[in-house]
């Protein structure tokens, strides 16, 4: 009974010991973990590169008086931080020893002390780091800029190597540029290391400028070479060929100095290529574009002279023909004028006609002189053509003056001829009217027709009288002719209508006579119609006869007319 109790007591004691050991072990581990966390925080804070930043700040202070005034404060803060770090390091070591010696309570006190010290010094570390970052901001910015420039240089150099064949013409200059740019990068690092930021900034600007030039060379040299060695060379050949062809057919081109201009373009191109080898890109491109403009102008001038040559040949030939035709016409015009001068009573045109003939002969002489000048092959054809066109204008003016006078004479002759023809035609019409009246033997004719006939003959007689006059008054002749035409044609139409009406009345009376004995009304109406017919009232007679026939047989008169037709 006693032994089981002892066993229980012994087991309980052993369990208590084990539990105590386990609890102690857990607390020790917890304390150890807290210490490790503090150590991590301490190391993170201590890893802030305050020493490096302070050294850079002190180096910058040598070249910058403003920064020099800030160094003492930075050193003071730095010393405080370093003392705090030393103190914290000692405290961490003591806490570790206490944990090792199982003095957990004292270790926890030391850990709390370290935690407090870290909390106190952390703001100072961060503030000092930020402050020195601001002081060193110039270096940071310049380093960021130079990093971008280095990346750009690497890319451009890769492109240059890739297109080395196209850029072989300027390879010496490009290789020298690479060397200079790399030297500038080295100098930049030296200035930055010495904290000479103004000098490093100047180097950055130089690198930027050289890289821009390097890039421009890569982008533009191939096209410039194509312009110089391809396009301009080809254009020189084209201009030379065009020049030789034009000269061969006789075009005057001495004033254009084509060979001299081509030599000048070739010299400029050679100079530009030499400049291009030395990297003088902008001047070279501008100069080559001027060469292209010059060559285009030369080509256009040659073509203009060639066209002027063709124009001169055609215009001069045509102008000579036109002048000769005008001179021939002047001979005819003078003869026509002499024949009709008294007839139309014109003033003396002899002086005018002789003057125009003299002007034409003088113009012909100037044209011949110009053709001789063309044969001398001294004057540019563009100038000769301008002179020819002036002669053309002169001929046009002379021609208009001659035409105005000749038209006056021709119109007068034409009006006289027309009047004679119309007179003959009107005489025939009057004769036809007279014959119709006699042939139809109308029982009676109105006095108005007789008066109209007399007026017609009077107008014809007046026209004959005017045609016999010397000088002939064309205006009066045309006026009387127009009156006669209107009057006689109106008379002709009226007589035709009268004869037609009389014939219709006669037909109607003949048709009605068949019903005279059958219808008393018909007899009386026919008698009235006959009386009107004998009195010359043909329209009234026709109206009565038609009404009579329509009463007997509606529509029969129309059939009668058709059968007569």
Protein backbone atom coordinates (compact mmCIF):
# COMPACT_ATOMS: atom_id res chain seq x y z
CA UNK A 1 0.00 0.00 0.00
CA UNK A 2 2.84 2.29 0.83
CA UNK A 3 4.80 1.45 -2.33
CA UNK A 4 2.06 2.54 -4.79
CA UNK A 5 1.73 5.86 -3.00
CA UNK A 6 5.44 6.43 -3.27
CA UNK A 7 5.31 5.59 -6.94
CA UNK A 8 2.55 8.12 -7.49
CA UNK A 9 4.40 10.79 -5.57
CA UNK A 10 7.59 9.99 -7.49
CA UNK A 11 5.71 10.14 -10.86
CA UNK A 12 4.06 13.42 -9.96
CA UNK A 13 7.39 14.92 -8.98
CA UNK A 14 9.03 13.67 -12.14
CA UNK A 15 6.16 15.11 -14.24
CA UNK A 16 6.48 18.44 -12.48
CA UNK A 17 10.20 18.48 -13.21
CA UNK A 18 9.63 17.62 -16.88
CA UNK A 19 6.90 20.26 -17.17
CA UNK A 20 9.14 22.83 -15.53
CA UNK A 21 11.95 21.97 -17.92
CA UNK A 22 9.56 22.19 -20.91
CA UNK A 23 8.18 25.56 -19.82
CA UNK A 24 11.69 26.88 -19.23
CA UNK A 25 12.75 25.63 -22.65
CA UNK A 26 9.79 27.29 -24.36
CA UNK A 27 10.44 30.59 -22.60
CA UNK A 28 14.10 30.38 -23.56
CA UNK A 29 13.16 29.77 -27.20
CA UNK A 30 10.74 32.70 -27.12
CA UNK A 31 13.40 34.93 -25.63
CA UNK A 32 15.91 33.70 -28.22
CA UNK A 33 13.42 34.46 -31.02
CA UNK A 34 12.86 37.97 -29.72
CA UNK A 35 16.58 38.50 -29.61
CA UNK A 36 17.00 37.23 -33.17
CA UNK A 37 14.26 39.55 -34.42
CA UNK A 38 15.97 42.46 -32.71
CA UNK A 39 19.26 41.43 -34.28
CA UNK A 40 17.64 41.44 -37.73
CA UNK A 41 16.20 44.89 -37.16
CA UNK A 42 19.56 46.10 -35.90
CA UNK A 43 21.40 44.73 -38.95
CA UNK A 44 18.84 46.19 -41.34
CA UNK A 45 19.27 49.59 -39.76
CA UNK A 46 23.05 49.25 -39.63
CA UNK A 47 23.14 48.25 -43.35
CA UNK A 48 22.08 51.79 -44.33
CA UNK A 49 25.18 53.06 -46.23
CA UNK A 50 25.71 56.07 -44.00
CA UNK A 51 29.49 55.74 -44.13
CA UNK A 52 29.54 55.76 -47.97
CA UNK A 53 27.13 58.67 -48.16
CA UNK A 54 29.13 60.62 -45.59
CA UNK A 55 32.34 60.07 -47.54
CA UNK A 56 30.64 61.28 -50.77
CA UNK A 57 29.24 64.27 -48.92
CA UNK A 58 32.67 65.14 -47.50
CA UNK A 59 34.23 64.76 -50.96
CA UNK A 60 31.54 67.01 -52.45
CA UNK A 61 32.18 69.56 -49.70
CA UNK A 62 35.70 70.08 -51.05
CA UNK A 63 34.24 71.50 -54.29
CA UNK A 64 31.03 73.00 -52.89
CA UNK A 65 31.11 75.59 -50.13
CA UNK A 66 27.39 75.22 -49.45
CA UNK A 67 27.75 71.49 -48.85
CA UNK A 68 30.82 72.12 -46.65
CA UNK A 69 28.63 73.96 -44.13
CA UNK A 70 26.45 70.84 -43.78
CA UNK A 71 29.26 68.34 -43.16
CA UNK A 72 29.77 69.04 -39.39
CA UNK A 73 26.13 68.36 -38.66
CA UNK A 74 26.23 65.17 -40.71
CA UNK A 75 29.40 63.99 -38.90
CA UNK A 76 27.84 64.77 -35.52
CA UNK A 77 24.72 62.78 -36.36
CA UNK A 78 26.84 60.02 -37.84
CA UNK A 79 28.91 59.73 -34.62
CA UNK A 80 25.74 59.58 -32.53
CA UNK A 81 24.43 56.79 -34.74
CA UNK A 82 27.71 54.85 -34.57
CA UNK A 83 27.81 55.14 -30.76
CA UNK A 84 24.23 53.94 -30.60
CA UNK A 85 25.04 51.02 -32.90
CA UNK A 86 28.02 50.04 -30.66
CA UNK A 87 25.89 50.25 -27.55
CA UNK A 88 23.12 48.18 -29.14
CA UNK A 89 25.63 45.59 -30.33
CA UNK A 90 26.99 45.24 -26.77
CA UNK A 91 23.50 44.95 -25.34
CA UNK A 92 22.59 42.26 -27.87
CA UNK A 93 25.73 40.31 -26.92
CA UNK A 94 24.93 40.62 -23.19
CA UNK A 95 21.36 39.46 -23.79
CA UNK A 96 22.67 36.47 -25.71
CA UNK A 97 25.02 35.61 -22.83
CA UNK A 98 22.20 35.91 -20.29
CA UNK A 99 20.05 33.55 -22.34
CA UNK A 100 22.94 31.15 -22.53
CA UNK A 101 23.33 31.31 -18.73
CA UNK A 102 19.57 30.73 -18.37
CA UNK A 103 19.04 34.19 -16.92
CA UNK A 104 15.93 34.74 -18.95
CA UNK A 105 14.47 37.49 -16.83
CA UNK A 106 17.58 39.64 -17.09
CA UNK A 107 17.82 38.76 -20.76
CA UNK A 108 14.26 40.00 -21.31
CA UNK A 109 15.14 43.23 -19.53
CA UNK A 110 18.15 43.65 -21.80
CA UNK A 111 16.01 42.88 -24.88
CA UNK A 112 13.52 45.56 -23.83
CA UNK A 113 16.43 47.95 -23.40
CA UNK A 114 17.74 47.16 -26.92
CA UNK A 115 14.28 47.54 -28.41
CA UNK A 116 14.00 50.98 -26.84
CA UNK A 117 17.44 52.00 -28.13
CA UNK A 118 16.55 50.83 -31.67
CA UNK A 119 13.31 52.79 -31.57
CA UNK A 120 15.25 55.87 -30.48
CA UNK A 121 18.03 55.68 -33.06
CA UNK A 122 16.00 54.53 -36.15
CA UNK A 123 14.52 58.01 -36.91
CA UNK A 124 17.98 59.55 -36.63
CA UNK A 125 19.42 57.00 -39.08
CA UNK A 126 16.62 57.54 -41.61
CA UNK A 127 16.73 61.32 -41.30
CA UNK A 128 20.51 61.38 -41.74
CA UNK A 129 20.28 59.06 -44.76
CA UNK A 130 17.54 61.14 -46.40
CA UNK A 131 19.40 64.37 -45.69
CA UNK A 132 22.59 63.12 -47.32
CA UNK A 133 20.55 61.72 -50.25
CA UNK A 134 19.26 65.22 -50.88
CA UNK A 135 22.81 66.58 -50.73
CA UNK A 136 23.94 63.89 -53.22
CA UNK A 137 20.87 64.22 -55.46
CA UNK A 138 22.90 65.86 -58.27
CA UNK A 139 25.09 62.79 -58.48
CA UNK A 140 22.06 60.49 -58.55
CA UNK A 141 20.38 62.45 -61.29
CA UNK A 142 23.53 62.63 -63.38
CA UNK A 143 24.12 58.92 -62.92
CA UNK A 144 20.55 58.24 -64.11
CA UNK A 145 21.15 60.44 -67.16
CA UNK A 146 24.49 58.84 -67.97
CA UNK A 147 22.95 55.37 -67.66
CA UNK A 148 20.40 56.27 -70.34
CA UNK A 149 23.14 57.70 -72.54
CA UNK A 150 25.23 54.55 -72.16
CA UNK A 151 22.24 52.45 -73.20
CA UNK A 152 21.64 54.71 -76.21
CA UNK A 153 25.32 54.47 -77.17
CA UNK A 154 25.25 50.67 -76.99
CA UNK A 155 22.17 50.57 -79.25
CA UNK A 156 23.62 53.04 -81.76
CA UNK A 157 26.95 51.23 -81.86
CA UNK A 158 25.13 47.95 -82.55
CA UNK A 159 23.24 49.57 -85.45
CA UNK A 160 26.50 51.04 -86.77
CA UNK A 161 28.21 47.65 -86.72
CA UNK A 162 25.17 46.03 -88.36
CA UNK A 163 25.22 48.60 -91.21
CA UNK A 164 28.98 48.95 -91.43
CA UNK A 165 28.88 48.18 -95.17
CA UNK A 166 26.57 51.11 -95.94
CA UNK A 167 28.62 53.37 -93.65
CA UNK A 168 32.08 52.26 -94.77
CA UNK A 169 32.60 55.61 -96.52
CA UNK A 170 32.57 57.38 -93.12
CA UNK A 171 33.94 54.52 -91.00
CA UNK A 172 37.08 56.43 -89.95
CA UNK A 173 35.00 59.31 -88.61
CA UNK A 174 32.48 56.98 -86.96
CA UNK A 175 35.21 54.95 -85.24
CA UNK A 176 36.81 58.15 -83.98
CA UNK A 177 33.43 59.27 -82.66
CA UNK A 178 33.05 55.99 -80.77
CA UNK A 179 36.50 56.48 -79.25
CA UNK A 180 35.72 60.06 -78.22
CA UNK A 181 32.35 59.10 -76.71
CA UNK A 182 33.91 56.30 -74.66
CA UNK A 183 36.62 58.66 -73.41
CA UNK A 184 33.91 61.10 -72.36
CA UNK A 185 32.15 58.35 -70.39
CA UNK A 186 35.45 57.68 -68.56
CA UNK A 187 35.96 61.36 -67.79
CA UNK A 188 32.39 61.52 -66.49
CA UNK A 189 33.15 58.78 -63.97
CA UNK A 190 36.29 60.60 -62.88
CA UNK A 191 34.41 63.84 -62.30
CA UNK A 192 31.59 62.06 -60.48
CA UNK A 193 34.07 60.23 -58.28
CA UNK A 194 35.68 63.57 -57.47
CA UNK A 195 32.19 65.05 -56.94
CA UNK A 196 32.86 67.69 -59.60
CA UNK A 197 29.24 67.78 -60.69
CA UNK A 198 29.43 70.91 -62.83
CA UNK A 199 32.23 69.37 -64.87
CA UNK A 200 30.40 66.05 -65.11
CA UNK A 201 27.30 67.95 -66.28
CA UNK A 202 29.32 69.53 -69.09
CA UNK A 203 30.61 66.09 -70.06
CA UNK A 204 27.01 64.80 -70.13
CA UNK A 205 26.06 67.62 -72.51
CA UNK A 206 29.03 66.79 -74.75
CA UNK A 207 28.09 63.10 -74.79
CA UNK A 208 24.47 63.98 -75.65
CA UNK A 209 25.61 66.19 -78.52
CA UNK A 210 28.02 63.58 -79.90
CA UNK A 211 25.42 60.82 -79.67
CA UNK A 212 22.92 63.01 -81.56
CA UNK A 213 25.55 63.53 -84.27
CA UNK A 214 26.39 59.81 -84.27
CA UNK A 215 22.71 58.92 -84.67
CA UNK A 216 22.24 61.51 -87.42
CA UNK A 217 25.20 60.07 -89.32
CA UNK A 218 23.74 56.56 -89.12
CA UNK A 219 20.32 57.74 -90.30
CA UNK A 220 21.36 60.16 -93.05
CA UNK A 221 24.71 59.10 -94.52
CA UNK A 222 23.27 56.26 -96.70
CA UNK A 223 20.68 58.55 -98.30
CA UNK A 224 23.22 61.36 -98.78
CA UNK A 225 25.64 58.95 -100.45
CA UNK A 226 22.81 57.73 -102.68
CA UNK A 227 22.03 61.36 -103.58
CA UNK A 228 25.65 62.24 -104.36
CA UNK A 229 26.98 59.05 -105.93
CA UNK A 230 23.69 57.95 -107.49
CA UNK A 231 21.15 60.66 -108.21
CA UNK A 232 23.45 63.63 -108.87
CA UNK A 233 25.88 61.57 -110.93
CA UNK A 234 22.98 60.25 -113.03
CA UNK A 235 21.51 63.74 -113.41
CA UNK A 236 24.89 65.09 -114.60
CA UNK A 237 24.92 62.38 -117.28
CA UNK A 238 21.36 63.20 -118.33
CA UNK A 239 22.08 66.93 -118.60
CA UNK A 240 25.26 66.26 -120.59
CA UNK A 241 23.38 63.93 -122.98
CA UNK A 242 20.54 66.44 -123.38
CA UNK A 243 23.08 69.19 -124.06
CA UNK A 244 24.87 67.20 -126.78
CA UNK A 245 21.60 66.21 -128.50
CA UNK A 246 20.36 69.81 -128.54
CA UNK A 247 23.65 71.13 -129.91
CA UNK A 248 23.67 68.49 -132.61
CA UNK A 249 20.39 69.75 -134.10
CA UNK A 250 21.58 73.37 -133.96
CA UNK A 251 20.18 74.74 -130.69
CA UNK A 252 22.20 77.70 -129.36
CA UNK A 253 23.27 76.91 -125.77
CA UNK A 254 26.52 78.85 -125.30
CA UNK A 255 24.87 81.35 -122.97
CA UNK A 256 23.91 78.56 -120.54
CA UNK A 257 27.57 77.48 -120.04
CA UNK A 258 26.50 73.87 -119.52
CA UNK A 259 30.02 72.28 -119.36
CA UNK A 260 31.17 74.90 -116.85
CA UNK A 261 28.09 74.36 -114.68
CA UNK A 262 28.49 70.57 -114.79
CA UNK A 263 32.15 70.88 -113.73
CA UNK A 264 31.06 73.17 -110.91
CA UNK A 265 28.45 70.65 -109.71
CA UNK A 266 31.02 67.83 -109.79
CA UNK A 267 33.51 69.95 -107.81
CA UNK A 268 30.86 70.79 -105.22
CA UNK A 269 29.89 67.13 -104.96
CA UNK A 270 33.54 66.13 -104.41
CA UNK A 271 33.90 68.79 -101.70
CA UNK A 272 30.67 67.65 -100.06
CA UNK A 273 31.82 64.03 -99.99
CA UNK A 274 35.08 65.14 -98.39
CA UNK A 275 33.06 67.05 -95.78
CA UNK A 276 30.86 64.01 -95.25
CA UNK A 277 33.93 61.91 -94.47
CA UNK A 278 34.73 64.41 -91.71
CA UNK A 279 31.19 64.27 -90.36
CA UNK A 280 30.01 67.68 -91.67
CA UNK A 281 26.54 66.33 -92.29
CA UNK A 282 24.22 69.34 -92.38
CA UNK A 283 26.29 71.52 -94.74
CA UNK A 284 26.80 68.54 -97.04
CA UNK A 285 23.10 67.70 -97.34
CA UNK A 286 22.13 71.34 -98.01
CA UNK A 287 24.85 71.74 -100.63
CA UNK A 288 23.85 68.55 -102.45
CA UNK A 289 20.22 69.68 -102.58
CA UNK A 290 21.39 72.92 -104.19
CA UNK A 291 23.28 70.85 -106.79
CA UNK A 292 20.06 68.95 -107.60
CA UNK A 293 18.21 72.26 -107.97
CA UNK A 294 20.94 73.60 -110.26
CA UNK A 295 20.87 70.46 -112.44
CA UNK A 296 17.07 70.60 -112.72
CA UNK A 297 17.32 74.23 -113.80
CA UNK A 298 19.97 73.38 -116.42
CA UNK A 299 17.79 70.58 -117.78
CA UNK A 300 14.75 72.87 -117.96
CA UNK A 301 16.76 75.62 -119.66
CA UNK A 302 18.07 73.20 -122.32
CA UNK A 303 14.55 71.88 -122.97
CA UNK A 304 13.20 75.43 -123.14
CA UNK A 305 15.86 76.40 -125.71
CA UNK A 306 15.17 73.22 -127.71
CA UNK A 307 11.45 74.02 -127.79
CA UNK A 308 12.27 77.63 -128.68
CA UNK A 309 14.36 76.34 -131.59
CA UNK A 310 11.42 74.31 -132.93
CA UNK A 311 9.06 77.22 -132.34
CA UNK A 312 11.38 79.60 -134.19
CA UNK A 313 11.50 77.37 -137.26
CA UNK A 314 7.72 76.93 -137.42
CA UNK A 315 6.81 80.52 -136.48
CA UNK A 316 9.33 82.12 -138.86
CA UNK A 317 8.15 79.97 -141.79
CA UNK A 318 4.51 80.71 -141.08
CA UNK A 319 5.20 84.41 -140.51
CA UNK A 320 6.97 84.75 -143.86
CA UNK A 321 4.03 83.04 -145.59
CA UNK A 322 1.52 85.26 -143.79
CA UNK A 323 3.40 88.44 -144.74
CA UNK A 324 3.64 87.32 -148.38
CA UNK A 325 -0.09 86.55 -148.41
CA UNK A 326 -0.83 89.97 -146.97
CA UNK A 327 1.35 91.63 -149.61
CA UNK A 328 -0.41 89.66 -152.37
CA UNK A 329 -3.75 90.62 -150.91
CA UNK A 330 -2.70 94.29 -150.82
CA UNK A 331 -2.16 94.15 -154.61
CA UNK A 332 -5.65 92.68 -155.07
CA UNK A 333 -7.15 95.11 -152.58
CA UNK A 334 -5.59 98.11 -154.33
CA UNK A 335 -6.95 96.92 -157.68
CA UNK A 336 -10.42 96.35 -156.19
CA UNK A 337 -10.30 99.77 -154.58
CA UNK A 338 -9.34 101.47 -157.86
CA UNK A 339 -12.20 99.67 -159.65
CA UNK A 340 -14.83 100.67 -157.09
CA UNK A 341 -13.51 103.93 -155.71
CA UNK A 342 -15.77 106.21 -157.81
CA UNK A 343 -18.67 103.76 -157.71
CA UNK A 344 -19.04 104.04 -153.91
CA UNK A 345 -17.63 107.55 -153.53
CA UNK A 346 -14.89 106.61 -151.08
CA UNK A 347 -12.22 109.09 -150.03
CA UNK A 348 -8.62 108.61 -151.21
CA UNK A 349 -7.20 105.46 -149.57
CA UNK A 350 -3.98 105.47 -151.57
CA UNK A 351 -1.79 106.88 -148.78
CA UNK A 352 -3.18 104.37 -146.28
CA UNK A 353 -2.71 101.43 -148.65
CA UNK A 354 0.83 102.46 -149.58
CA UNK A 355 1.69 102.94 -145.90
CA UNK A 356 0.43 99.46 -144.97
CA UNK A 357 2.33 97.95 -147.90
CA UNK A 358 5.49 99.69 -146.70
CA UNK A 359 4.91 98.41 -143.16
CA UNK A 360 4.50 94.86 -144.44
CA UNK A 361 7.69 95.09 -146.50
CA UNK A 362 9.58 96.51 -143.51
CA UNK A 363 8.25 93.71 -141.31
CA UNK A 364 9.29 91.16 -143.90
CA UNK A 365 12.79 92.67 -143.89
CA UNK A 366 13.01 92.39 -140.11
CA UNK A 367 11.90 88.74 -140.24
CA UNK A 368 14.53 87.98 -142.88
CA UNK A 369 17.18 89.70 -140.73
CA UNK A 370 16.11 87.61 -137.76
CA UNK A 371 16.40 84.44 -139.83
CA UNK A 372 19.95 85.44 -140.81
CA UNK A 373 20.69 86.01 -137.13
CA UNK A 374 19.41 82.49 -136.44
CA UNK A 375 21.79 81.14 -139.07
CA UNK A 376 24.73 82.81 -137.28
CA UNK A 377 24.02 80.59 -134.21
CA UNK A 378 24.87 83.33 -131.71
CA UNK A 379 21.58 84.49 -130.20
CA UNK A 380 19.53 82.19 -127.92
CA UNK A 381 16.37 80.95 -129.58
CA UNK A 382 14.29 81.94 -126.58
CA UNK A 383 15.17 85.58 -127.37
CA UNK A 384 14.57 85.11 -131.10
CA UNK A 385 11.13 83.59 -130.45
CA UNK A 386 10.15 86.55 -128.26
CA UNK A 387 11.08 88.89 -131.12
CA UNK A 388 9.13 86.75 -133.60
CA UNK A 389 6.05 86.91 -131.39
CA UNK A 390 6.35 90.69 -131.33
CA UNK A 391 6.43 90.62 -135.14
CA UNK A 392 3.35 88.37 -135.12
CA UNK A 393 1.51 90.92 -133.01
CA UNK A 394 2.59 93.70 -135.38
CA UNK A 395 1.31 91.70 -138.37
CA UNK A 396 -1.98 91.06 -136.57
CA UNK A 397 -2.47 94.79 -135.96
CA UNK A 398 -1.66 95.66 -139.60
CA UNK A 399 -3.97 92.86 -140.76
CA UNK A 400 -6.86 94.14 -138.65
CA UNK A 401 -6.46 97.65 -140.06
CA UNK A 402 -6.42 96.32 -143.64
CA UNK A 403 -9.34 93.95 -142.99
CA UNK A 404 -11.47 96.73 -141.52
CA UNK A 405 -11.13 98.76 -144.73
CA UNK A 406 -11.38 95.83 -147.12
CA UNK A 407 -14.50 94.55 -145.36
CA UNK A 408 -16.08 97.95 -145.90
CA UNK A 409 -15.38 97.73 -149.64
CA UNK A 410 -16.36 94.05 -149.91
CA UNK A 411 -19.62 94.63 -148.06
CA UNK A 412 -20.49 97.50 -150.38
CA UNK A 413 -19.80 95.33 -153.44
CA UNK A 414 -21.74 92.48 -151.89
CA UNK A 415 -24.70 94.75 -151.13
CA UNK A 416 -24.71 96.05 -154.71
CA UNK A 417 -24.61 92.55 -156.12
CA UNK A 418 -27.36 91.45 -153.75
CA UNK A 419 -29.49 94.43 -154.76
CA UNK A 420 -29.13 93.58 -158.46
CA UNK A 421 -30.04 89.93 -157.83
CA UNK A 422 -33.02 90.88 -155.68
CA UNK A 423 -34.15 93.40 -158.28
CA UNK A 424 -34.24 90.70 -160.96
CA UNK A 425 -36.07 88.34 -158.62
CA UNK A 426 -38.65 90.97 -157.65
CA UNK A 427 -39.20 91.88 -161.30
CA UNK A 428 -39.95 88.23 -162.05
CA UNK A 429 -42.41 88.07 -159.13
CA UNK A 430 -44.21 91.21 -160.33
CA UNK A 431 -44.43 89.73 -163.79
CA UNK A 432 -45.84 86.49 -162.38
CA UNK A 433 -48.45 88.41 -160.37
CA UNK A 434 -49.49 90.36 -163.47
CA UNK A 435 -49.74 87.16 -165.53
CA UNK A 436 -51.86 85.42 -162.88
CA UNK A 437 -54.34 88.26 -162.75
CA UNK A 438 -54.68 88.33 -166.55
CA UNK A 439 -54.77 84.54 -166.93
CA UNK A 440 -57.51 84.00 -164.39
CA UNK A 441 -59.65 86.73 -166.03
CA UNK A 442 -61.23 87.69 -162.79
CA UNK A 443 -64.50 89.59 -163.37
CA UNK A 444 -63.48 92.26 -160.92
CA UNK A 445 -60.45 93.08 -158.79
CA UNK A 446 -60.22 95.48 -155.86
CA UNK A 447 -58.63 98.89 -156.30
CA UNK A 448 -56.17 98.03 -153.50
CA UNK A 449 -54.54 95.39 -155.72
CA UNK A 450 -54.10 97.89 -158.49
CA UNK A 451 -52.56 100.38 -156.06
CA UNK A 452 -50.26 97.70 -154.64
CA UNK A 453 -49.11 96.78 -158.14
CA UNK A 454 -48.29 100.40 -158.89
CA UNK A 455 -46.39 100.77 -155.63
CA UNK A 456 -44.40 97.60 -156.41
CA UNK A 457 -43.39 98.89 -159.83
CA UNK A 458 -42.49 102.24 -158.27
CA UNK A 459 -40.15 100.61 -155.73
CA UNK A 460 -38.46 98.59 -158.49
CA UNK A 461 -37.98 101.72 -160.54
CA UNK A 462 -36.48 103.50 -157.50
CA UNK A 463 -34.02 100.64 -156.98
CA UNK A 464 -33.01 100.78 -160.65
CA UNK A 465 -32.52 104.54 -160.33
CA UNK A 466 -30.35 104.16 -157.22
CA UNK A 467 -28.24 101.47 -158.91
CA UNK A 468 -27.57 103.82 -161.81
CA UNK A 469 -26.35 106.61 -159.55
CA UNK A 470 -22.62 107.28 -159.12
CA UNK A 471 -21.57 107.25 -156.34
CA UNK A 472 -23.93 104.54 -155.19
CA UNK A 473 -25.72 105.27 -151.90
CA UNK A 474 -25.65 101.82 -150.30
CA UNK A 475 -27.71 102.78 -147.26
CA UNK A 476 -30.59 104.19 -149.31
CA UNK A 477 -30.34 101.27 -151.72
CA UNK A 478 -30.64 98.70 -148.90
CA UNK A 479 -33.52 100.61 -147.31
CA UNK A 480 -35.55 100.71 -150.57
CA UNK A 481 -34.66 97.10 -151.31
CA UNK A 482 -36.02 95.92 -147.96
CA UNK A 483 -39.23 97.90 -148.48
CA UNK A 484 -39.66 96.47 -151.98
CA UNK A 485 -39.08 92.89 -150.81
CA UNK A 486 -41.66 93.19 -148.04
CA UNK A 487 -44.26 94.89 -150.27
CA UNK A 488 -43.92 92.66 -153.36
CA UNK A 489 -43.89 89.37 -151.43
CA UNK A 490 -46.99 90.48 -149.54
CA UNK A 491 -48.65 91.37 -152.87
CA UNK A 492 -47.64 88.02 -154.31
CA UNK A 493 -49.24 86.14 -151.39
CA UNK A 494 -52.42 88.22 -151.56
CA UNK A 495 -52.84 87.60 -155.31
CA UNK A 496 -52.32 83.87 -154.80
CA UNK A 497 -54.98 83.88 -152.10
CA UNK A 498 -57.33 85.90 -154.32
CA UNK A 499 -56.93 83.58 -157.30
CA UNK A 500 -57.42 80.57 -155.05
CA UNK A 501 -60.59 82.00 -153.54
CA UNK A 502 -62.02 82.80 -157.00
CA UNK A 503 -61.35 79.26 -158.18
CA UNK A 504 -63.07 77.82 -155.11
CA UNK A 505 -66.13 80.03 -155.71
CA UNK A 506 -66.38 78.89 -159.33
CA UNK A 507 -66.19 75.24 -158.27
CA UNK A 508 -68.86 75.77 -155.64
CA UNK A 509 -71.17 77.50 -158.17
CA UNK A 510 -70.73 74.69 -160.68
CA UNK A 511 -71.53 72.13 -157.99
CA UNK A 512 -74.60 74.07 -156.82
CA UNK A 513 -76.04 74.46 -160.32
CA UNK A 514 -76.96 70.76 -160.24
CA UNK A 515 -79.54 71.50 -157.52
CA UNK A 516 -80.82 74.83 -158.85
CA UNK A 517 -83.99 73.47 -160.41
CA UNK A 518 -84.72 71.19 -157.47
CA UNK A 519 -84.39 73.64 -154.60
CA UNK A 520 -85.76 77.19 -154.92
CA UNK A 521 -83.58 78.31 -152.00
CA UNK A 522 -80.51 77.08 -153.80
CA UNK A 523 -81.37 79.13 -156.86
CA UNK A 524 -81.69 82.37 -154.89
CA UNK A 525 -78.49 81.73 -152.90
CA UNK A 526 -76.52 80.88 -156.03
CA UNK A 527 -77.78 84.09 -157.65
CA UNK A 528 -76.50 86.09 -154.64
CA UNK A 529 -73.16 84.30 -154.78
CA UNK A 530 -72.80 84.98 -158.53
CA UNK A 531 -73.56 88.66 -157.99
CA UNK A 532 -70.89 88.92 -155.28
CA UNK A 533 -68.41 87.06 -157.54
CA UNK A 534 -69.00 89.51 -160.44
CA UNK A 535 -68.52 92.44 -158.06
CA UNK A 536 -65.15 91.06 -156.89
CA UNK A 537 -66.47 90.09 -153.44
CA UNK A 538 -64.91 86.61 -153.66
CA UNK A 539 -64.83 85.91 -149.93
CA UNK A 540 -68.53 86.77 -149.51
CA UNK A 541 -69.43 84.73 -152.59
CA UNK A 542 -67.51 81.72 -151.25
CA UNK A 543 -69.19 81.96 -147.85
CA UNK A 544 -72.70 81.98 -149.43
CA UNK A 545 -71.90 79.08 -151.75
CA UNK A 546 -70.48 76.94 -148.92
CA UNK A 547 -73.50 77.53 -146.68
CA UNK A 548 -75.82 76.61 -149.56
CA UNK A 549 -73.99 73.36 -150.31
CA UNK A 550 -73.81 72.36 -146.63
CA UNK A 551 -77.59 72.77 -146.34
CA UNK A 552 -78.17 70.31 -149.16
CA UNK A 553 -75.47 67.78 -148.33
CA UNK A 554 -73.56 68.29 -145.09
CA UNK A 555 -69.84 67.57 -145.62
CA UNK A 556 -70.16 67.47 -149.38
CA UNK A 557 -68.09 70.67 -149.82
CA UNK A 558 -65.06 69.06 -148.22
CA UNK A 559 -65.42 66.12 -150.59
CA UNK A 560 -65.68 68.59 -153.45
CA UNK A 561 -62.45 70.29 -152.40
CA UNK A 562 -60.65 66.93 -152.13
CA UNK A 563 -61.89 65.83 -155.56
CA UNK A 564 -60.72 69.14 -157.06
CA UNK A 565 -57.39 68.77 -155.36
